[in-house]
């Protein structure tokens, strides 16, 4: 493995870690007061890449719908 691959792998790892943190933050901190909302989907703390992306996307759509509903 050359140094470029190591840098790319580390960058990918850091990006994935940030996505997981974002998904967890949105699922557990910011949106927990809206758990009864039909757009809410709780995210597990053990997420693979696909689940992380899906969770971030779902929570993004959820936040947008809440902002539209409540004029935030």
C-alpha atoms as a PDB file:
ATOM      1  CA  UNK A   1       0.000   0.000   0.000  1.00  0.00           C
ATOM      2  CA  UNK A   2       1.551   3.310  -1.014  1.00  0.00           C
ATOM      3  CA  UNK A   3       1.279   6.587   0.905  1.00  0.00           C
ATOM      4  CA  UNK A   4      -1.460   7.953  -1.386  1.00  0.00           C
ATOM      5  CA  UNK A   5      -3.698   4.971  -0.591  1.00  0.00           C
ATOM      6  CA  UNK A   6      -3.094   5.489   3.114  1.00  0.00           C
ATOM      7  CA  UNK A   7      -4.090   9.170   2.838  1.00  0.00           C
ATOM      8  CA  UNK A   8      -7.213   8.336   0.823  1.00  0.00           C
ATOM      9  CA  UNK A   9      -8.186   5.556   3.225  1.00  0.00           C
ATOM     10  CA  UNK A  10      -7.712   7.855   6.218  1.00  0.00           C
ATOM     11  CA  UNK A  11      -9.772  10.607   4.535  1.00  0.00           C
ATOM     12  CA  UNK A  12     -12.537   8.118   3.745  1.00  0.00           C
ATOM     13  CA  UNK A  13     -12.482   6.877   7.324  1.00  0.00           C
ATOM     14  CA  UNK A  14     -12.720  10.422   8.739  1.00  0.00           C
ATOM     15  CA  UNK A  15     -15.560  11.312   6.355  1.00  0.00           C
ATOM     16  CA  UNK A  16     -17.455   8.147   7.286  1.00  0.00           C
ATOM     17  CA  UNK A  17     -16.914   8.853  10.989  1.00  0.00           C
ATOM     18  CA  UNK A  18     -18.323  12.371  10.541  1.00  0.00           C
ATOM     19  CA  UNK A  19     -21.377  10.929   8.761  1.00  0.00           C
ATOM     20  CA  UNK A  20     -21.994   8.512  11.612  1.00  0.00           C
ATOM     21  CA  UNK A  21     -21.674  11.317  14.151  1.00  0.00           C
ATOM     22  CA  UNK A  22     -24.088  13.457  12.156  1.00  0.00           C
ATOM     23  CA  UNK A  23     -26.613  10.644  11.878  1.00  0.00           C
ATOM     24  CA  UNK A  24     -26.394   9.919  15.588  1.00  0.00           C
ATOM     25  CA  UNK A  25     -26.653  13.585  16.501  1.00  0.00           C
ATOM     26  CA  UNK A  26     -29.718  14.105  14.329  1.00  0.00           C
ATOM     27  CA  UNK A  27     -31.377  10.911  15.485  1.00  0.00           C
ATOM     28  CA  UNK A  28     -30.740  11.137  19.200  1.00  0.00           C
ATOM     29  CA  UNK A  29     -30.201  14.791  20.120  1.00  0.00           C
ATOM     30  CA  UNK A  30     -31.831  17.226  17.771  1.00  0.00           C
ATOM     31  CA  UNK A  31     -34.974  15.342  16.787  1.00  0.00           C
ATOM     32  CA  UNK A  32     -35.894  13.256  19.816  1.00  0.00           C
ATOM     33  CA  UNK A  33     -38.694  15.680  20.723  1.00  0.00           C
ATOM     34  CA  UNK A  34     -40.374  14.792  17.428  1.00  0.00           C
ATOM     35  CA  UNK A  35     -40.369  11.005  17.916  1.00  0.00           C
ATOM     36  CA  UNK A  36     -44.125  10.847  17.313  1.00  0.00           C
ATOM     37  CA  UNK A  37     -43.706  12.495  13.912  1.00  0.00           C
ATOM     38  CA  UNK A  38     -44.246   9.977  11.071  1.00  0.00           C
ATOM     39  CA  UNK A  39     -41.008  11.116   9.397  1.00  0.00           C
ATOM     40  CA  UNK A  40     -38.884  10.177  12.391  1.00  0.00           C
ATOM     41  CA  UNK A  41     -36.797   7.036  12.132  1.00  0.00           C
ATOM     42  CA  UNK A  42     -34.463   6.197  14.983  1.00  0.00           C
ATOM     43  CA  UNK A  43     -30.925   5.294  14.005  1.00  0.00           C
ATOM     44  CA  UNK A  44     -28.915   2.619  15.720  1.00  0.00           C
ATOM     45  CA  UNK A  45     -25.501   3.448  17.132  1.00  0.00           C
ATOM     46  CA  UNK A  46     -23.927   0.654  15.052  1.00  0.00           C
ATOM     47  CA  UNK A  47     -24.342   1.943  11.520  1.00  0.00           C
ATOM     48  CA  UNK A  48     -22.650   0.749   8.363  1.00  0.00           C
ATOM     49  CA  UNK A  49     -21.928   3.181   5.523  1.00  0.00           C
ATOM     50  CA  UNK A  50     -25.252   2.665   3.770  1.00  0.00           C
ATOM     51  CA  UNK A  51     -27.273   3.007   6.970  1.00  0.00           C
ATOM     52  CA  UNK A  52     -25.371   6.166   7.907  1.00  0.00           C
ATOM     53  CA  UNK A  53     -26.095   7.772   4.553  1.00  0.00           C
ATOM     54  CA  UNK A  54     -29.744   6.724   4.666  1.00  0.00           C
ATOM     55  CA  UNK A  55     -30.115   8.051   8.190  1.00  0.00           C
ATOM     56  CA  UNK A  56     -28.526  11.412   7.373  1.00  0.00           C
ATOM     57  CA  UNK A  57     -30.745  11.721   4.299  1.00  0.00           C
ATOM     58  CA  UNK A  58     -33.891  10.740   6.231  1.00  0.00           C
ATOM     59  CA  UNK A  59     -33.131  13.132   9.067  1.00  0.00           C
ATOM     60  CA  UNK A  60     -32.362  15.929   6.589  1.00  0.00           C
ATOM     61  CA  UNK A  61     -35.770  15.409   4.948  1.00  0.00           C
ATOM     62  CA  UNK A  62     -37.398  15.239   8.379  1.00  0.00           C
ATOM     63  CA  UNK A  63     -35.820  18.509   9.529  1.00  0.00           C
ATOM     64  CA  UNK A  64     -36.891  20.211   6.294  1.00  0.00           C
ATOM     65  CA  UNK A  65     -40.483  19.001   6.736  1.00  0.00           C
ATOM     66  CA  UNK A  66     -40.580  20.211  10.359  1.00  0.00           C
ATOM     67  CA  UNK A  67     -39.206  23.586   9.294  1.00  0.00           C
ATOM     68  CA  UNK A  68     -41.894  23.847   6.611  1.00  0.00           C
ATOM     69  CA  UNK A  69     -44.663  22.727   8.992  1.00  0.00           C
ATOM     70  CA  UNK A  70     -43.663  25.084  11.793  1.00  0.00           C
ATOM     71  CA  UNK A  71     -42.123  27.911   9.783  1.00  0.00           C
ATOM     72  CA  UNK A  72     -38.687  27.555  11.377  1.00  0.00           C
END
